[in-house]
Each structure stands twice: as C-alpha cells, then as structure tokens.
Amino acid sequence: MVLEPASGPLAVRLLEDRVLKLETVADALADQHDVLRTEMRREIMSLRDQMRDLENKMEEGNRIVNSKLDRLLGERAVVTGLITLVTSVLGTGVVHIALSMGTH
C-alpha cells in the first residue's frame, strides 16, 4: 500500500497511524493466523520504509531552503554594508564641501 496524496508531516502522521493499527491487529491475531501475521509484518515494514523516505525528503527540502535563506541573508548584509559605506562617504563629502565654502 502506497500513500501518495498527502505530503510532508501529514503523510508521516497518516503512515504512523496506519502502522499503529496494523501492529495492534497483528498482536491480537491468534497463533493459527501465522500467514496473515507475517503479511501484516511485511506491510508494517513497508510503511516504516515509506515514513523514513518521507522524513529524508523533508529534511533534504529543509536543508535546501535553509541554505537559500542563508545566502539571501548574506547578500542582504552585503548590500546593507555597501549602502552604509556610500552614505558615509557622501555625508563626509557634503560636510567637507560645506566647511570649505564656509571658510571662503
């Protein structure tokens, strides 16, 4: 059974719920239902694999978003620094010109 419609944390939660239900039913089966119990254990393992895959995909997506955010914030800091530098240089120049004109 493959659950595709949901994604991210919701899909993981749905898979966890399904695993819990299957484990409960498998534990309740009598010894005469070994084949069914084995099949349910395989289903549980498959669901756990799907959960791990989804968690890995979410972690990878988070890493990508975080790296892009870090770059963006770094670029913003550079632009802010340049604006501050230009403003400082221009301000110093204006003060120098004003003082020069005032002394003449």
C-alpha atoms as a PDB file:
ATOM      1  CA  MET A   1       0.000   0.000   0.000  1.00  0.00           C
ATOM      2  CA  VAL A   2       1.499   3.348  -1.055  1.00  0.00           C
ATOM      3  CA  LEU A   3       0.086   6.629   0.240  1.00  0.00           C
ATOM      4  CA  GLU A   4       0.848   9.391  -2.261  1.00  0.00           C
ATOM      5  CA  PRO A   5      -1.861  12.114  -1.987  1.00  0.00           C
ATOM      6  CA  ALA A   6      -0.624  13.589   1.309  1.00  0.00           C
ATOM      7  CA  SER A   7       2.843  15.008   1.637  1.00  0.00           C
ATOM      8  CA  GLY A   8       5.222  16.052   4.358  1.00  0.00           C
ATOM      9  CA  PRO A   9       4.291  15.853   8.025  1.00  0.00           C
ATOM     10  CA  LEU A  10       0.692  14.889   7.252  1.00  0.00           C
ATOM     11  CA  ALA A  11       1.803  11.874   5.238  1.00  0.00           C
ATOM     12  CA  VAL A  12       4.165  10.774   8.008  1.00  0.00           C
ATOM     13  CA  ARG A  13       1.355  11.098  10.539  1.00  0.00           C
ATOM     14  CA  LEU A  14      -1.013   9.046   8.356  1.00  0.00           C
ATOM     15  CA  LEU A  15       1.632   6.351   7.962  1.00  0.00           C
ATOM     16  CA  GLU A  16       2.265   6.294  11.711  1.00  0.00           C
ATOM     17  CA  ASP A  17      -1.462   5.836  12.335  1.00  0.00           C
ATOM     18  CA  ARG A  18      -1.635   3.006   9.808  1.00  0.00           C
ATOM     19  CA  VAL A  19       1.381   1.256  11.374  1.00  0.00           C
ATOM     20  CA  LEU A  20      -0.135   1.517  14.841  1.00  0.00           C
ATOM     21  CA  LYS A  21      -3.416  -0.005  13.655  1.00  0.00           C
ATOM     22  CA  LEU A  22      -1.630  -2.842  11.870  1.00  0.00           C
ATOM     23  CA  GLU A  23       0.582  -3.583  14.868  1.00  0.00           C
ATOM     24  CA  THR A  24      -2.461  -3.696  17.134  1.00  0.00           C
ATOM     25  CA  VAL A  25      -4.289  -6.107  14.838  1.00  0.00           C
ATOM     26  CA  ALA A  26      -1.176  -8.253  14.281  1.00  0.00           C
ATOM     27  CA  ASP A  27      -0.593  -8.583  18.016  1.00  0.00           C
ATOM     28  CA  ALA A  28      -4.223  -9.637  18.530  1.00  0.00           C
ATOM     29  CA  LEU A  29      -4.084 -12.460  15.966  1.00  0.00           C
ATOM     30  CA  ALA A  30      -4.102 -15.983  17.315  1.00  0.00           C
ATOM     31  CA  ASP A  31      -1.299 -18.448  16.513  1.00  0.00           C
ATOM     32  CA  GLN A  32      -3.416 -20.078  13.796  1.00  0.00           C
ATOM     33  CA  HIS A  33      -3.111 -16.927  11.659  1.00  0.00           C
ATOM     34  CA  ASP A  34       0.662 -17.002  11.147  1.00  0.00           C
ATOM     35  CA  VAL A  35       0.417 -16.284   7.411  1.00  0.00           C
ATOM     36  CA  LEU A  36      -1.730 -13.208   7.965  1.00  0.00           C
ATOM     37  CA  ARG A  37       0.528 -12.035  10.791  1.00  0.00           C
ATOM     38  CA  THR A  38       3.593 -12.391   8.550  1.00  0.00           C
ATOM     39  CA  GLU A  39       1.880 -10.444   5.783  1.00  0.00           C
ATOM     40  CA  MET A  40       0.938  -7.691   8.201  1.00  0.00           C
ATOM     41  CA  ARG A  41       4.534  -7.501   9.493  1.00  0.00           C
ATOM     42  CA  ARG A  42       5.723  -7.003   5.896  1.00  0.00           C
ATOM     43  CA  GLU A  43       3.145  -4.259   5.425  1.00  0.00           C
ATOM     44  CA  ILE A  44       4.348  -2.600   8.633  1.00  0.00           C
ATOM     45  CA  MET A  45       7.970  -2.723   7.446  1.00  0.00           C
ATOM     46  CA  SER A  46       6.928  -1.244   4.094  1.00  0.00           C
ATOM     47  CA  LEU A  47       5.077   1.589   5.827  1.00  0.00           C
ATOM     48  CA  ARG A  48       8.064   2.294   8.064  1.00  0.00           C
ATOM     49  CA  ASP A  49      10.284   2.468   4.958  1.00  0.00           C
ATOM     50  CA  GLN A  50       7.878   4.968   3.390  1.00  0.00           C
ATOM     51  CA  MET A  51       7.959   7.039   6.576  1.00  0.00           C
ATOM     52  CA  ARG A  52      11.777   7.092   6.561  1.00  0.00           C
ATOM     53  CA  ASP A  53      11.805   8.097   2.892  1.00  0.00           C
ATOM     54  CA  LEU A  54       9.357  10.949   3.524  1.00  0.00           C
ATOM     55  CA  GLU A  55      11.324  12.147   6.537  1.00  0.00           C
ATOM     56  CA  ASN A  56      14.539  12.118   4.479  1.00  0.00           C
ATOM     57  CA  LYS A  57      12.869  14.083   1.678  1.00  0.00           C
ATOM     58  CA  MET A  58      11.549  16.646   4.174  1.00  0.00           C
ATOM     59  CA  GLU A  59      14.986  17.012   5.775  1.00  0.00           C
ATOM     60  CA  GLU A  60      16.603  17.496   2.353  1.00  0.00           C
ATOM     61  CA  GLY A  61      13.992  20.110   1.449  1.00  0.00           C
ATOM     62  CA  ASN A  62      14.630  21.915   4.732  1.00  0.00           C
ATOM     63  CA  ARG A  63      18.381  21.900   4.087  1.00  0.00           C
ATOM     64  CA  ILE A  64      17.856  23.412   0.631  1.00  0.00           C
ATOM     65  CA  VAL A  65      15.524  26.114   1.956  1.00  0.00           C
ATOM     66  CA  ASN A  66      17.898  26.924   4.820  1.00  0.00           C
ATOM     67  CA  SER A  67      20.909  27.244   2.513  1.00  0.00           C
ATOM     68  CA  LYS A  68      18.980  29.572   0.184  1.00  0.00           C
ATOM     69  CA  LEU A  69      17.846  31.612   3.172  1.00  0.00           C
ATOM     70  CA  ASP A  70      21.429  31.856   4.449  1.00  0.00           C
ATOM     71  CA  ARG A  71      22.624  33.091   1.048  1.00  0.00           C
ATOM     72  CA  LEU A  72      19.822  35.624   0.880  1.00  0.00           C
ATOM     73  CA  LEU A  73      20.600  36.972   4.331  1.00  0.00           C
ATOM     74  CA  GLY A  74      24.315  37.135   3.467  1.00  0.00           C
ATOM     75  CA  GLU A  75      23.600  39.079   0.291  1.00  0.00           C
ATOM     76  CA  ARG A  76      21.306  41.402   2.206  1.00  0.00           C
ATOM     77  CA  ALA A  77      24.073  42.101   4.732  1.00  0.00           C
ATOM     78  CA  VAL A  78      26.497  42.949   1.907  1.00  0.00           C
ATOM     79  CA  VAL A  79      24.014  45.337   0.283  1.00  0.00           C
ATOM     80  CA  THR A  80      23.289  46.983   3.638  1.00  0.00           C
ATOM     81  CA  GLY A  81      27.035  47.404   4.240  1.00  0.00           C
ATOM     82  CA  LEU A  82      27.551  48.958   0.820  1.00  0.00           C
ATOM     83  CA  ILE A  83      24.668  51.384   1.338  1.00  0.00           C
ATOM     84  CA  THR A  84      26.090  52.368   4.715  1.00  0.00           C
ATOM     85  CA  LEU A  85      29.545  52.901   3.209  1.00  0.00           C
ATOM     86  CA  VAL A  86      28.229  55.012   0.315  1.00  0.00           C
ATOM     87  CA  THR A  87      26.075  57.075   2.665  1.00  0.00           C
ATOM     88  CA  SER A  88      29.025  57.639   4.966  1.00  0.00           C
ATOM     89  CA  VAL A  89      31.302  58.702   2.102  1.00  0.00           C
ATOM     90  CA  LEU A  90      28.671  61.029   0.675  1.00  0.00           C
ATOM     91  CA  GLY A  91      27.944  62.504   4.095  1.00  0.00           C
ATOM     92  CA  THR A  92      31.620  63.153   4.736  1.00  0.00           C
ATOM     93  CA  GLY A  93      31.960  64.789   1.308  1.00  0.00           C
ATOM     94  CA  VAL A  94      28.982  67.080   1.914  1.00  0.00           C
ATOM     95  CA  VAL A  95      30.362  68.153   5.299  1.00  0.00           C
ATOM     96  CA  HIS A  96      33.768  68.819   3.730  1.00  0.00           C
ATOM     97  CA  ILE A  97      32.226  70.939   0.957  1.00  0.00           C
ATOM     98  CA  ALA A  98      30.099  72.892   3.438  1.00  0.00           C
ATOM     99  CA  LEU A  99      33.109  73.619   5.615  1.00  0.00           C
ATOM    100  CA  SER A 100      35.188  74.598   2.590  1.00  0.00           C
ATOM    101  CA  MET A 101      32.507  77.032   1.373  1.00  0.00           C
ATOM    102  CA  GLY A 102      32.057  78.465   4.840  1.00  0.00           C
ATOM    103  CA  THR A 103      35.735  79.360   5.192  1.00  0.00           C
ATOM    104  CA  HIS A 104      35.921  81.221   1.858  1.00  0.00           C
END
